[in-house]
């Protein structure tokens, strides 16, 4: 029989660099275990009803469980962040929101930079004390981890590669292992038999391929295969004389004219950012208040099954070629947009989109060996109600819609719970603190 109580995990500073960590519970609970030690992930810490001497540096509620005479506390989760900046690099507002949900669920959650991940029994993690105040603490290993390394550059650093190797050796489950590559994802979509949802796409930018695409389509996009939020994207439209070229860099969009195809190629060489590009046909999108719009959709796993958490609409800004809000786009209500365009058929169109989303998520997840727990997708819908897959994002940005944001935070914690429960209990590497 299992019982659970509300306890506290407390860090005490005893001076001279000495720390003590205890689980604080009411006296009636402590008496059940005598002078018991509690397993806190890979640690064993004292179960006490009165705090020992020492300055309390941090404390928070945590679940305390007794099963078949054994005491455990937890769960313990971590957010993997980039190394640098004196502490760690990442979206602190995202970390703050997620840790707040974890506290309400009696979970210990901390942030750990990649260079603090080691084979040692104790790591250095960070907890939030208040506005711009983060405290470094000795922490046990997490029982599951959420990867929120904020950039592709940091994801490729040696410290990150080594951290992931250590996590595998310690059998600590982590979800969202890496960033996606557009060309690779498009290949996955095709291989899964879902090409009908993909605008015509060529996975390599070459003059001959571009010329042929411009013969077949009135407009095409050149997209960096490893890009994000549209940086480096180029749109090419047929014009009365030659082509109109729109280039998006650092949230600013500039437009040029190219009278000939040769001049177009010269302009692309001048304006492209380093790295591989794909060519993709521009498909007609739904219009909202005179401007094209698409859908930003969040998907998360519920156990091992993918689920649509929520949809938002992003409307293109003036003089820009994407709908991203940082690039001047705006937000609209998904239900309102669908109802305006499709009326009584809006639910059927929405269901077709959901079917596509789930099938694409399953295919991408399988390609990444089922190591994903969430992703966002950019999806277009045409006037016929056909959904189009534009791209998937491995590290979704914070959604502006409050209801989607709230559900997303709960979903992350739920998936961490799932990974923890699927993992065999730790039986080695115990370390007594106190």
Protein backbone atom coordinates (compact mmCIF):
# COMPACT_ATOMS: atom_id res chain seq x y z
CA UNK A 1 0.00 0.00 0.00
CA UNK A 2 1.29 3.47 -0.91
CA UNK A 3 0.69 6.73 0.96
CA UNK A 4 1.66 10.28 0.04
CA UNK A 5 2.21 13.40 2.15
CA UNK A 6 3.16 17.00 1.44
CA UNK A 7 6.70 17.60 2.57
CA UNK A 8 9.42 20.12 1.84
CA UNK A 9 12.88 19.74 0.41
CA UNK A 10 15.20 22.19 2.18
CA UNK A 11 18.75 23.32 1.39
CA UNK A 12 20.78 24.44 4.41
CA UNK A 13 24.05 26.36 4.19
CA UNK A 14 26.26 25.36 7.13
CA UNK A 15 29.15 27.62 6.17
CA UNK A 16 32.59 26.87 4.73
CA UNK A 17 30.97 25.54 1.58
CA UNK A 18 29.09 22.80 3.46
CA UNK A 19 25.50 22.11 2.44
CA UNK A 20 22.83 19.89 3.89
CA UNK A 21 19.64 18.78 2.17
CA UNK A 22 16.73 17.34 4.13
CA UNK A 23 13.11 16.39 3.61
CA UNK A 24 10.97 18.17 6.19
CA UNK A 25 7.70 16.50 7.25
CA UNK A 26 5.35 16.65 10.26
CA UNK A 27 6.44 14.72 13.35
CA UNK A 28 3.66 12.15 12.87
CA UNK A 29 5.05 11.28 9.45
CA UNK A 30 8.65 11.05 10.64
CA UNK A 31 7.69 8.62 13.40
CA UNK A 32 6.46 6.17 10.80
CA UNK A 33 9.98 5.78 9.53
CA UNK A 34 12.04 6.42 12.63
CA UNK A 35 15.43 7.79 11.60
CA UNK A 36 14.63 7.19 7.95
CA UNK A 37 16.45 8.24 4.83
CA UNK A 38 14.40 9.28 1.84
CA UNK A 39 15.36 8.58 -1.77
CA UNK A 40 15.38 11.85 -3.71
CA UNK A 41 16.23 10.63 -7.20
CA UNK A 42 19.82 9.30 -6.87
CA UNK A 43 20.31 10.81 -3.38
CA UNK A 44 19.45 9.55 0.09
CA UNK A 45 18.60 12.43 2.42
CA UNK A 46 17.35 12.57 6.02
CA UNK A 47 13.64 12.67 6.80
CA UNK A 48 13.22 15.18 9.65
CA UNK A 49 10.44 17.01 11.44
CA UNK A 50 12.72 19.79 12.73
CA UNK A 51 15.35 21.61 10.75
CA UNK A 52 19.00 21.09 11.75
CA UNK A 53 21.23 24.10 12.28
CA UNK A 54 22.12 26.09 9.21
CA UNK A 55 20.90 28.96 7.08
CA UNK A 56 17.93 28.02 4.92
CA UNK A 57 18.89 28.94 1.37
CA UNK A 58 15.98 27.39 -0.51
CA UNK A 59 12.91 25.34 0.25
CA UNK A 60 9.86 24.15 -1.64
CA UNK A 61 7.06 21.66 -1.28
CA UNK A 62 7.59 18.16 -2.55
CA UNK A 63 5.66 14.92 -2.48
CA UNK A 64 6.79 12.35 0.10
CA UNK A 65 5.75 8.75 -0.53
CA UNK A 66 5.89 5.55 1.51
CA UNK A 67 5.53 2.25 -0.32
CA UNK A 68 6.19 -1.12 1.34
CA UNK A 69 8.18 0.60 4.08
CA UNK A 70 10.43 2.55 1.69
CA UNK A 71 10.47 6.35 1.53
CA UNK A 72 10.81 8.38 -1.67
CA UNK A 73 10.38 12.07 -2.50
CA UNK A 74 9.81 13.73 -5.80
CA UNK A 75 9.51 13.85 -8.66
CA UNK A 76 12.72 15.63 -9.70
CA UNK A 77 12.90 17.18 -13.17
CA UNK A 78 15.35 19.44 -15.00
CA UNK A 79 15.33 21.85 -17.92
CA UNK A 80 18.44 21.58 -20.08
CA UNK A 81 19.71 25.04 -21.04
CA UNK A 82 22.70 26.39 -22.93
CA UNK A 83 26.02 27.03 -21.21
CA UNK A 84 27.32 30.59 -20.85
CA UNK A 85 26.24 34.00 -19.68
CA UNK A 86 27.58 33.42 -16.18
CA UNK A 87 24.77 30.99 -15.31
CA UNK A 88 22.84 29.56 -18.26
CA UNK A 89 21.39 30.64 -21.61
CA UNK A 90 17.73 30.23 -22.48
CA UNK A 91 14.27 31.72 -22.19
CA UNK A 92 14.03 32.58 -18.50
CA UNK A 93 10.37 33.51 -18.79
CA UNK A 94 9.68 30.03 -20.20
CA UNK A 95 11.70 28.42 -17.41
CA UNK A 96 9.92 30.55 -14.80
CA UNK A 97 6.46 29.60 -16.03
CA UNK A 98 7.26 25.90 -16.21
CA UNK A 99 8.89 25.83 -12.78
CA UNK A 100 5.85 27.60 -11.33
CA UNK A 101 3.57 24.82 -12.61
CA UNK A 102 5.99 22.22 -11.24
CA UNK A 103 5.93 23.79 -7.77
CA UNK A 104 2.14 23.67 -7.73
CA UNK A 105 2.41 19.95 -8.44
CA UNK A 106 4.97 19.37 -5.64
CA UNK A 107 7.72 18.67 -8.18
CA UNK A 108 11.30 19.79 -7.79
CA UNK A 109 12.43 21.34 -11.07
CA UNK A 110 15.67 23.15 -11.78
CA UNK A 111 17.59 24.54 -14.76
CA UNK A 112 20.91 22.93 -15.64
CA UNK A 113 23.35 24.24 -18.28
CA UNK A 114 24.98 21.64 -20.49
CA UNK A 115 28.43 22.13 -18.93
CA UNK A 116 27.05 21.20 -15.49
CA UNK A 117 25.89 17.75 -16.62
CA UNK A 118 28.40 15.17 -15.39
CA UNK A 119 28.70 11.63 -14.15
CA UNK A 120 29.06 12.94 -10.59
CA UNK A 121 26.23 12.15 -8.17
CA UNK A 122 25.68 15.88 -7.57
CA UNK A 123 25.15 18.56 -10.22
CA UNK A 124 24.80 22.34 -9.98
CA UNK A 125 21.33 23.48 -10.92
CA UNK A 126 19.51 26.81 -10.76
CA UNK A 127 16.23 27.71 -9.07
CA UNK A 128 14.39 31.02 -9.20
CA UNK A 129 14.14 33.21 -6.11
CA UNK A 130 12.42 36.19 -7.69
CA UNK A 131 12.69 38.74 -10.47
CA UNK A 132 16.04 38.15 -12.18
CA UNK A 133 17.26 36.26 -9.11
CA UNK A 134 18.51 32.73 -9.67
CA UNK A 135 20.30 30.63 -7.09
CA UNK A 136 22.85 27.90 -7.81
CA UNK A 137 22.26 24.77 -5.72
CA UNK A 138 23.73 21.28 -5.43
CA UNK A 139 21.04 19.05 -6.91
CA UNK A 140 20.40 15.34 -7.52
CA UNK A 141 20.06 13.94 -11.00
CA UNK A 142 16.70 14.58 -12.67
CA UNK A 143 14.39 11.64 -13.23
CA UNK A 144 13.45 13.11 -16.63
CA UNK A 145 14.62 16.14 -18.58
CA UNK A 146 13.17 18.74 -20.98
CA UNK A 147 15.57 20.05 -23.63
CA UNK A 148 15.23 23.81 -24.13
CA UNK A 149 18.66 24.69 -25.51
CA UNK A 150 17.75 27.95 -27.25
CA UNK A 151 19.79 27.94 -30.48
CA UNK A 152 21.11 25.58 -33.10
CA UNK A 153 24.60 26.92 -32.48
CA UNK A 154 24.49 25.96 -28.78
CA UNK A 155 22.95 22.59 -29.66
CA UNK A 156 26.05 21.79 -31.71
CA UNK A 157 28.60 22.80 -29.08
CA UNK A 158 30.93 20.13 -27.58
CA UNK A 159 29.45 20.70 -24.10
CA UNK A 160 26.01 19.80 -25.45
CA UNK A 161 27.23 16.71 -27.28
CA UNK A 162 29.01 15.52 -24.14
CA UNK A 163 26.00 16.27 -21.93
CA UNK A 164 23.74 14.14 -24.13
CA UNK A 165 26.22 11.26 -24.04
CA UNK A 166 26.30 11.43 -20.23
CA UNK A 167 22.51 11.50 -20.01
CA UNK A 168 22.34 8.36 -22.12
CA UNK A 169 24.96 6.63 -19.97
CA UNK A 170 22.99 7.52 -16.83
CA UNK A 171 19.71 6.39 -18.43
CA UNK A 172 18.09 9.76 -17.76
CA UNK A 173 15.24 10.18 -20.29
CA UNK A 174 15.06 13.47 -22.18
CA UNK A 175 12.67 14.64 -24.85
CA UNK A 176 13.16 16.91 -27.88
CA UNK A 177 16.79 15.93 -28.52
CA UNK A 178 17.62 18.33 -31.36
CA UNK A 179 16.46 20.94 -33.83
CA UNK A 180 14.77 19.91 -37.07
CA UNK A 181 16.20 20.38 -40.55
CA UNK A 182 13.55 21.40 -43.09
CA UNK A 183 14.93 19.32 -45.95
CA UNK A 184 15.14 16.26 -43.72
CA UNK A 185 11.59 16.74 -42.43
CA UNK A 186 10.25 17.14 -45.98
CA UNK A 187 11.89 13.84 -46.92
CA UNK A 188 10.24 12.21 -43.90
CA UNK A 189 6.82 13.58 -44.92
CA UNK A 190 7.20 12.22 -48.45
CA UNK A 191 8.45 8.82 -47.26
CA UNK A 192 5.40 8.53 -44.99
CA UNK A 193 3.06 8.85 -47.97
CA UNK A 194 1.97 12.37 -47.02
CA UNK A 195 3.28 14.25 -50.06
CA UNK A 196 -0.25 15.50 -50.86
CA UNK A 197 0.10 17.89 -47.92
CA UNK A 198 3.47 19.27 -48.99
CA UNK A 199 3.75 22.13 -51.50
CA UNK A 200 6.05 21.19 -54.35
CA UNK A 201 9.50 21.32 -52.81
CA UNK A 202 13.05 20.85 -54.09
CA UNK A 203 15.52 20.07 -51.35
CA UNK A 204 18.49 21.76 -52.98
CA UNK A 205 18.83 25.30 -54.34
CA UNK A 206 20.20 25.07 -57.87
CA UNK A 207 19.72 27.34 -60.90
CA UNK A 208 18.07 24.71 -63.09
CA UNK A 209 15.65 23.60 -60.36
CA UNK A 210 14.75 27.21 -59.53
CA UNK A 211 14.10 28.04 -63.18
CA UNK A 212 11.82 25.02 -63.56
CA UNK A 213 9.92 25.87 -60.38
CA UNK A 214 9.35 29.43 -61.63
CA UNK A 215 7.93 28.05 -64.86
CA UNK A 216 5.37 26.00 -62.90
CA UNK A 217 4.51 28.52 -60.16
CA UNK A 218 3.76 32.23 -59.93
CA UNK A 219 5.77 32.51 -56.72
CA UNK A 220 8.28 30.41 -54.78
CA UNK A 221 10.04 30.61 -51.43
CA UNK A 222 13.71 29.93 -50.79
CA UNK A 223 13.96 28.71 -47.20
CA UNK A 224 17.11 28.06 -45.14
CA UNK A 225 16.99 24.36 -44.25
CA UNK A 226 18.22 25.08 -40.74
CA UNK A 227 16.57 28.44 -40.21
CA UNK A 228 14.01 29.74 -37.75
CA UNK A 229 11.43 32.59 -37.53
CA UNK A 230 11.95 33.27 -41.22
CA UNK A 231 15.48 34.69 -41.03
CA UNK A 232 17.12 34.43 -44.47
CA UNK A 233 13.89 33.52 -46.27
CA UNK A 234 13.49 34.81 -49.83
CA UNK A 235 10.26 35.07 -51.83
CA UNK A 236 10.35 35.37 -55.62
CA UNK A 237 7.28 36.56 -57.53
CA UNK A 238 6.79 36.95 -61.27
CA UNK A 239 6.49 40.62 -62.22
CA UNK A 240 5.49 42.46 -65.40
CA UNK A 241 9.17 42.69 -66.22
CA UNK A 242 11.26 40.00 -64.60
CA UNK A 243 10.89 39.17 -60.91
CA UNK A 244 10.19 40.79 -57.56
CA UNK A 245 12.50 39.53 -54.80
CA UNK A 246 11.65 39.95 -51.10
CA UNK A 247 14.32 39.13 -48.53
CA UNK A 248 13.72 38.75 -44.78
CA UNK A 249 16.67 39.25 -42.44
CA UNK A 250 16.69 40.12 -38.75
CA UNK A 251 12.91 40.79 -38.80
CA UNK A 252 13.30 43.36 -41.61
CA UNK A 253 11.98 42.71 -45.13
CA UNK A 254 13.47 44.39 -48.20
CA UNK A 255 12.19 44.16 -51.77
CA UNK A 256 14.22 44.29 -54.98
CA UNK A 257 13.59 43.97 -58.71
CA UNK A 258 15.41 41.51 -60.96
CA UNK A 259 14.75 42.13 -64.66
CA UNK A 260 16.28 38.83 -65.80
CA UNK A 261 16.80 35.33 -64.44
CA UNK A 262 20.58 35.90 -64.47
CA UNK A 263 20.18 39.02 -62.36
CA UNK A 264 17.87 37.03 -60.06
CA UNK A 265 20.61 34.44 -59.46
CA UNK A 266 23.13 37.20 -58.70
CA UNK A 267 20.75 38.76 -56.21
CA UNK A 268 20.15 35.41 -54.48
CA UNK A 269 23.90 34.87 -54.11
CA UNK A 270 24.22 38.33 -52.56
CA UNK A 271 21.26 38.09 -50.18
CA UNK A 272 21.14 34.47 -49.02
CA UNK A 273 22.46 33.51 -45.59
CA UNK A 274 25.05 30.72 -45.22
CA UNK A 275 23.84 27.14 -45.33
CA UNK A 276 21.59 24.90 -47.33
CA UNK A 277 18.34 26.17 -48.88
CA UNK A 278 15.19 24.46 -50.15
CA UNK A 279 12.87 25.76 -52.88
CA UNK A 280 9.15 25.58 -52.13
CA UNK A 281 6.14 26.63 -54.17
CA UNK A 282 4.01 29.37 -52.66
CA UNK A 283 0.46 28.11 -52.21
CA UNK A 284 -2.61 30.38 -51.99
CA UNK A 285 -3.58 31.02 -48.37
CA UNK A 286 -6.75 32.10 -46.65
CA UNK A 287 -7.03 35.86 -46.33
CA UNK A 288 -7.90 37.68 -43.14
CA UNK A 289 -8.68 41.37 -43.36
CA UNK A 290 -6.96 41.55 -46.71
CA UNK A 291 -3.77 39.75 -45.71
CA UNK A 292 -2.68 36.11 -46.01
CA UNK A 293 -2.72 34.01 -42.86
CA UNK A 294 -1.67 30.57 -41.74
CA UNK A 295 -2.04 28.43 -38.64
CA UNK A 296 0.48 27.90 -35.85
CA UNK A 297 -0.36 24.62 -34.12
CA UNK A 298 1.06 23.06 -30.96
CA UNK A 299 1.15 19.27 -30.63
CA UNK A 300 2.22 17.28 -27.59
CA UNK A 301 2.33 13.65 -26.63
CA UNK A 302 -0.22 12.30 -24.19
CA UNK A 303 1.55 9.15 -23.11
CA UNK A 304 2.72 7.74 -26.44
CA UNK A 305 -0.05 9.34 -28.52
CA UNK A 306 0.10 12.71 -30.26
CA UNK A 307 -2.57 15.30 -29.54
CA UNK A 308 -3.36 18.78 -30.89
CA UNK A 309 -3.06 21.18 -27.94
CA UNK A 310 -4.28 24.27 -29.74
CA UNK A 311 -4.25 26.36 -32.92
CA UNK A 312 -3.54 30.02 -33.43
CA UNK A 313 -3.74 32.09 -36.60
CA UNK A 314 -0.86 34.31 -37.65
CA UNK A 315 -1.60 37.09 -40.14
CA UNK A 316 1.13 38.50 -42.37
CA UNK A 317 2.24 42.00 -41.54
CA UNK A 318 2.55 44.84 -44.01
CA UNK A 319 5.55 44.57 -46.36
CA UNK A 320 6.69 41.18 -45.05
CA UNK A 321 6.75 37.66 -46.46
CA UNK A 322 6.01 35.63 -43.33
CA UNK A 323 3.30 35.57 -40.68
CA UNK A 324 5.67 35.37 -37.70
CA UNK A 325 4.72 37.88 -35.02
CA UNK A 326 8.38 38.91 -34.41
CA UNK A 327 8.51 39.84 -38.10
CA UNK A 328 5.46 42.10 -37.93
CA UNK A 329 2.68 39.53 -38.10
CA UNK A 330 -0.44 39.67 -35.96
CA UNK A 331 -2.78 37.21 -34.23
CA UNK A 332 -6.33 36.17 -35.11
CA UNK A 333 -8.75 33.67 -33.61
CA UNK A 334 -8.60 30.30 -35.37
CA UNK A 335 -12.29 29.48 -34.93
CA UNK A 336 -13.34 32.90 -36.22
CA UNK A 337 -11.14 32.59 -39.31
CA UNK A 338 -12.37 29.07 -40.12
CA UNK A 339 -16.04 29.98 -39.60
CA UNK A 340 -15.78 33.06 -41.80
CA UNK A 341 -14.28 31.11 -44.71
CA UNK A 342 -16.02 27.75 -44.47
CA UNK A 343 -19.21 28.30 -42.46
CA UNK A 344 -20.93 24.99 -41.71
CA UNK A 345 -18.00 23.10 -43.25
CA UNK A 346 -15.46 24.63 -40.84
CA UNK A 347 -15.48 21.63 -38.48
CA UNK A 348 -14.85 19.25 -41.37
CA UNK A 349 -11.95 21.39 -42.59
CA UNK A 350 -10.58 21.57 -39.06
CA UNK A 351 -10.77 17.78 -38.76
CA UNK A 352 -8.89 17.35 -42.04
CA UNK A 353 -6.18 19.59 -40.66
CA UNK A 354 -6.02 17.60 -37.40
CA UNK A 355 -5.73 14.32 -39.32
CA UNK A 356 -2.79 15.73 -41.30
CA UNK A 357 -1.13 17.14 -38.19
CA UNK A 358 -1.24 13.86 -36.28
CA UNK A 359 -0.01 11.82 -39.23
CA UNK A 360 2.89 14.22 -39.81
CA UNK A 361 3.78 14.26 -36.10
CA UNK A 362 3.85 10.46 -35.97
CA UNK A 363 6.12 10.29 -39.02
CA UNK A 364 8.57 12.89 -37.69
CA UNK A 365 8.60 11.28 -34.24
CA UNK A 366 9.37 7.87 -35.73
CA UNK A 367 12.27 9.37 -37.65
CA UNK A 368 13.67 10.70 -34.36
CA UNK A 369 13.30 7.29 -32.70
CA UNK A 370 10.22 8.41 -30.71
CA UNK A 371 12.33 10.83 -28.63
CA UNK A 372 10.00 13.81 -29.19
CA UNK A 373 7.41 15.09 -26.76
CA UNK A 374 6.15 18.22 -28.47
CA UNK A 375 6.44 20.21 -31.68
CA UNK A 376 4.72 23.10 -33.38
CA UNK A 377 3.74 23.17 -37.03
CA UNK A 378 3.10 25.95 -39.51
CA UNK A 379 0.13 24.98 -41.67
CA UNK A 380 -1.64 26.71 -44.52
CA UNK A 381 -5.21 26.19 -45.67
CA UNK A 382 -6.42 27.11 -49.16
CA UNK A 383 -9.89 28.21 -50.26
CA UNK A 384 -10.85 24.59 -50.94
CA UNK A 385 -10.13 23.65 -47.32
CA UNK A 386 -7.02 21.62 -48.17
CA UNK A 387 -4.33 21.77 -45.46
CA UNK A 388 -0.69 22.33 -46.42
CA UNK A 389 2.31 21.42 -44.29
CA UNK A 390 4.94 24.18 -44.29
CA UNK A 391 7.30 23.25 -41.48
CA UNK A 392 7.68 21.73 -38.03
CA UNK A 393 9.56 23.23 -35.10
CA UNK A 394 11.29 21.06 -32.50
CA UNK A 395 11.50 23.81 -29.87
CA UNK A 396 8.15 25.64 -30.06
CA UNK A 397 8.17 29.31 -29.24
CA UNK A 398 5.89 30.58 -26.49
CA UNK A 399 2.32 30.81 -27.78
CA UNK A 400 0.63 34.18 -27.32
CA UNK A 401 -2.77 32.56 -26.75
CA UNK A 402 -3.08 32.22 -22.96
CA UNK A 403 -5.16 29.04 -23.07
CA UNK A 404 -2.70 27.28 -25.37
CA UNK A 405 0.21 28.46 -23.25
CA UNK A 406 -1.41 27.14 -20.07
CA UNK A 407 -2.17 23.74 -21.59
CA UNK A 408 1.34 23.51 -23.03
CA UNK A 409 2.98 23.90 -19.61
CA UNK A 410 0.79 21.21 -18.10
CA UNK A 411 1.52 19.00 -21.10
CA UNK A 412 5.28 19.28 -20.60
CA UNK A 413 4.96 18.21 -16.96
CA UNK A 414 2.65 15.37 -17.92
CA UNK A 415 5.15 14.07 -20.46
CA UNK A 416 7.97 14.27 -17.92
CA UNK A 417 5.76 12.23 -15.59
CA UNK A 418 5.25 9.69 -18.36
CA UNK A 419 8.98 9.38 -19.05
CA UNK A 420 9.74 9.02 -15.35
CA UNK A 421 7.13 6.32 -14.83
CA UNK A 422 8.32 4.43 -17.91
CA UNK A 423 11.89 4.42 -16.59
CA UNK A 424 12.99 1.75 -14.14
CA UNK A 425 13.67 3.11 -10.62
CA UNK A 426 17.23 4.16 -9.96
CA UNK A 427 19.08 1.55 -7.96
CA UNK A 428 22.66 2.75 -8.25
CA UNK A 429 24.61 5.93 -7.69
CA UNK A 430 22.99 6.66 -4.30
CA UNK A 431 24.58 9.53 -2.44
CA UNK A 432 23.76 10.53 1.09
CA UNK A 433 23.44 14.24 1.77
CA UNK A 434 23.42 15.66 5.27
